[in-house]
């Protein structure tokens, strides 16, 4: 049986972990953008950690900057 790898459709995938959200970049450009614009952020397993109160604004800002966010 042949397995097929499906590329992510979004530049950044958001995972709701309750009180925290993980913003997982799927491209080098998305990762570099997050690193450049999020100051002294915390990263976990390749994803930017964001408090729930900032998640909606961060997602909107990323969309405004032209990134596809899911």
N, C-alpha and C. Protein backbone atom coordinates (compact mmCIF):
# COMPACT_ATOMS: atom_id res chain seq x y z
N UNK A 1 0.85 -1.17 0.00
CA UNK A 1 0.00 0.00 0.00
C UNK A 1 0.90 1.23 0.00
N UNK A 2 0.63 2.13 -0.91
CA UNK A 2 1.39 3.37 -1.03
C UNK A 2 0.78 4.44 -0.12
N UNK A 3 1.62 5.08 0.67
CA UNK A 3 1.13 6.17 1.50
C UNK A 3 1.45 7.48 0.81
N UNK A 4 0.57 8.41 0.95
CA UNK A 4 0.72 9.70 0.30
C UNK A 4 0.82 10.79 1.35
N UNK A 5 1.83 11.63 1.19
CA UNK A 5 1.99 12.76 2.10
C UNK A 5 1.23 13.94 1.53
N UNK A 6 0.38 14.52 2.34
CA UNK A 6 -0.41 15.67 1.92
C UNK A 6 0.19 16.92 2.54
N UNK A 7 0.52 17.87 1.71
CA UNK A 7 1.10 19.13 2.19
C UNK A 7 0.02 19.95 2.89
N UNK A 8 0.39 20.62 3.96
CA UNK A 8 -0.59 21.48 4.65
C UNK A 8 -1.08 22.59 3.73
N UNK A 9 -2.33 22.97 3.88
CA UNK A 9 -2.90 24.03 3.04
C UNK A 9 -2.69 25.40 3.64
N UNK A 10 -2.44 25.47 4.94
CA UNK A 10 -2.27 26.75 5.61
C UNK A 10 -0.79 27.02 5.87
N UNK A 11 -0.43 28.30 5.87
CA UNK A 11 0.93 28.69 6.24
C UNK A 11 1.16 28.45 7.73
N UNK A 12 0.09 28.66 8.52
CA UNK A 12 0.17 28.51 9.96
C UNK A 12 -1.08 27.79 10.45
N UNK A 13 -0.89 26.72 11.19
CA UNK A 13 -2.01 26.00 11.79
C UNK A 13 -2.11 26.37 13.26
N UNK A 14 -3.31 26.59 13.74
CA UNK A 14 -3.53 26.97 15.13
C UNK A 14 -4.19 25.80 15.86
N UNK A 15 -3.60 25.45 17.00
CA UNK A 15 -4.14 24.38 17.83
C UNK A 15 -4.60 24.96 19.16
N UNK A 16 -5.86 24.76 19.49
CA UNK A 16 -6.43 25.24 20.75
C UNK A 16 -6.12 24.21 21.84
N UNK A 17 -5.34 24.64 22.83
CA UNK A 17 -4.98 23.76 23.94
C UNK A 17 -5.61 24.22 25.24
N UNK A 18 -6.75 24.88 25.16
CA UNK A 18 -7.43 25.36 26.35
C UNK A 18 -7.01 26.78 26.67
N UNK A 19 -6.16 26.96 27.64
CA UNK A 19 -5.73 28.31 28.01
C UNK A 19 -4.60 28.82 27.14
N UNK A 20 -4.02 27.93 26.33
CA UNK A 20 -2.95 28.31 25.40
C UNK A 20 -3.30 27.87 23.99
N UNK A 21 -2.77 28.59 23.03
CA UNK A 21 -2.89 28.22 21.62
C UNK A 21 -1.49 28.01 21.07
N UNK A 22 -1.35 27.04 20.18
CA UNK A 22 -0.08 26.81 19.50
C UNK A 22 -0.22 27.24 18.06
N UNK A 23 0.65 28.11 17.62
CA UNK A 23 0.70 28.58 16.24
C UNK A 23 1.85 27.84 15.56
N UNK A 24 1.52 26.86 14.73
CA UNK A 24 2.53 26.00 14.11
C UNK A 24 2.77 26.44 12.66
N UNK A 25 3.94 27.03 12.39
CA UNK A 25 4.24 27.45 11.02
C UNK A 25 4.55 26.25 10.13
N UNK A 26 4.02 26.28 8.91
CA UNK A 26 4.25 25.19 7.96
C UNK A 26 5.19 25.59 6.83
N UNK A 27 5.75 26.78 6.93
CA UNK A 27 6.72 27.23 5.93
C UNK A 27 7.81 28.03 6.62
N UNK A 28 8.94 28.12 5.98
CA UNK A 28 10.05 28.89 6.52
C UNK A 28 9.67 30.37 6.64
N UNK A 29 8.94 30.89 5.66
CA UNK A 29 8.53 32.29 5.69
C UNK A 29 7.62 32.56 6.89
N UNK A 30 6.71 31.67 7.17
CA UNK A 30 5.81 31.84 8.31
C UNK A 30 6.57 31.79 9.63
N UNK A 31 7.51 30.85 9.73
CA UNK A 31 8.31 30.75 10.96
C UNK A 31 9.13 32.02 11.17
N UNK A 32 9.78 32.49 10.12
CA UNK A 32 10.59 33.70 10.22
C UNK A 32 9.73 34.91 10.60
N UNK A 33 8.53 34.98 10.06
CA UNK A 33 7.62 36.09 10.37
C UNK A 33 7.23 36.07 11.85
N UNK A 34 6.89 34.90 12.36
CA UNK A 34 6.53 34.78 13.77
C UNK A 34 7.71 35.16 14.66
N UNK A 35 8.90 34.67 14.32
CA UNK A 35 10.08 34.99 15.11
C UNK A 35 10.37 36.49 15.10
N UNK A 36 10.20 37.13 13.96
CA UNK A 36 10.51 38.56 13.82
C UNK A 36 9.49 39.46 14.51
N UNK A 37 8.24 39.02 14.59
CA UNK A 37 7.18 39.89 15.08
C UNK A 37 6.63 39.55 16.46
N UNK A 38 7.11 38.50 17.09
CA UNK A 38 6.55 38.10 18.37
C UNK A 38 7.51 38.26 19.54
N UNK A 39 8.54 39.03 19.36
CA UNK A 39 9.44 39.35 20.47
C UNK A 39 10.01 38.13 21.14
N UNK A 40 10.04 38.17 22.47
CA UNK A 40 10.60 37.06 23.25
C UNK A 40 9.52 36.01 23.50
N UNK A 41 9.14 35.33 22.45
CA UNK A 41 8.06 34.35 22.52
C UNK A 41 8.58 33.01 23.04
N UNK A 42 7.65 32.21 23.52
CA UNK A 42 7.95 30.85 23.94
C UNK A 42 7.57 29.90 22.81
N UNK A 43 8.45 28.98 22.50
CA UNK A 43 8.22 27.98 21.47
C UNK A 43 8.14 26.61 22.13
N UNK A 44 7.26 25.76 21.61
CA UNK A 44 7.10 24.41 22.13
C UNK A 44 6.90 23.47 20.96
N UNK A 45 7.82 22.54 20.77
CA UNK A 45 7.70 21.56 19.69
C UNK A 45 7.56 22.19 18.32
N UNK A 46 8.25 23.28 18.07
CA UNK A 46 8.19 23.94 16.78
C UNK A 46 7.03 24.89 16.60
N UNK A 47 6.23 25.09 17.65
CA UNK A 47 5.07 25.97 17.57
C UNK A 47 5.23 27.14 18.55
N UNK A 48 4.74 28.29 18.14
CA UNK A 48 4.72 29.47 19.00
C UNK A 48 3.59 29.32 20.00
N UNK A 49 3.88 29.52 21.28
CA UNK A 49 2.87 29.43 22.33
C UNK A 49 2.25 30.81 22.53
N UNK A 50 0.92 30.87 22.56
CA UNK A 50 0.22 32.14 22.69
C UNK A 50 -0.90 31.99 23.71
N UNK A 51 -1.01 32.96 24.63
CA UNK A 51 -2.12 32.96 25.58
C UNK A 51 -3.43 33.16 24.84
N UNK A 52 -4.50 32.58 25.35
CA UNK A 52 -5.80 32.62 24.67
C UNK A 52 -6.27 34.05 24.42
N UNK A 53 -5.96 34.97 25.30
CA UNK A 53 -6.45 36.36 25.14
C UNK A 53 -5.80 37.09 23.98
N UNK A 54 -4.67 36.57 23.47
CA UNK A 54 -3.99 37.20 22.34
C UNK A 54 -4.16 36.44 21.03
N UNK A 55 -4.68 35.24 21.09
CA UNK A 55 -4.71 34.35 19.93
C UNK A 55 -5.51 34.92 18.77
N UNK A 56 -6.68 35.46 19.04
CA UNK A 56 -7.53 35.98 17.96
C UNK A 56 -6.85 37.16 17.25
N UNK A 57 -6.25 38.05 18.03
CA UNK A 57 -5.57 39.20 17.43
C UNK A 57 -4.35 38.77 16.62
N UNK A 58 -3.61 37.78 17.13
CA UNK A 58 -2.44 37.29 16.39
C UNK A 58 -2.87 36.65 15.09
N UNK A 59 -3.92 35.84 15.12
CA UNK A 59 -4.41 35.20 13.90
C UNK A 59 -4.86 36.25 12.88
N UNK A 60 -5.55 37.29 13.33
CA UNK A 60 -6.01 38.36 12.44
C UNK A 60 -4.82 39.11 11.84
N UNK A 61 -3.81 39.39 12.65
CA UNK A 61 -2.63 40.09 12.16
C UNK A 61 -1.89 39.25 11.12
N UNK A 62 -1.82 37.96 11.35
CA UNK A 62 -1.16 37.08 10.37
C UNK A 62 -1.93 37.06 9.05
N UNK A 63 -3.25 37.02 9.13
CA UNK A 63 -4.06 37.06 7.90
C UNK A 63 -3.86 38.39 7.18
N UNK A 64 -3.81 39.49 7.94
CA UNK A 64 -3.59 40.81 7.35
C UNK A 64 -2.23 40.89 6.64
N UNK A 65 -1.27 40.13 7.16
CA UNK A 65 0.07 40.10 6.55
C UNK A 65 0.16 39.10 5.39
N UNK A 66 -0.97 38.50 5.03
CA UNK A 66 -1.01 37.65 3.84
C UNK A 66 -0.82 36.16 4.07
N UNK A 67 -0.81 35.72 5.32
CA UNK A 67 -0.63 34.30 5.59
C UNK A 67 -1.98 33.59 5.68
N UNK A 68 -2.02 32.37 5.17
CA UNK A 68 -3.21 31.53 5.30
C UNK A 68 -3.14 30.86 6.65
N UNK A 69 -4.18 31.05 7.47
CA UNK A 69 -4.19 30.55 8.85
C UNK A 69 -5.40 29.63 9.02
N UNK A 70 -5.18 28.47 9.62
CA UNK A 70 -6.25 27.50 9.91
C UNK A 70 -6.26 27.19 11.37
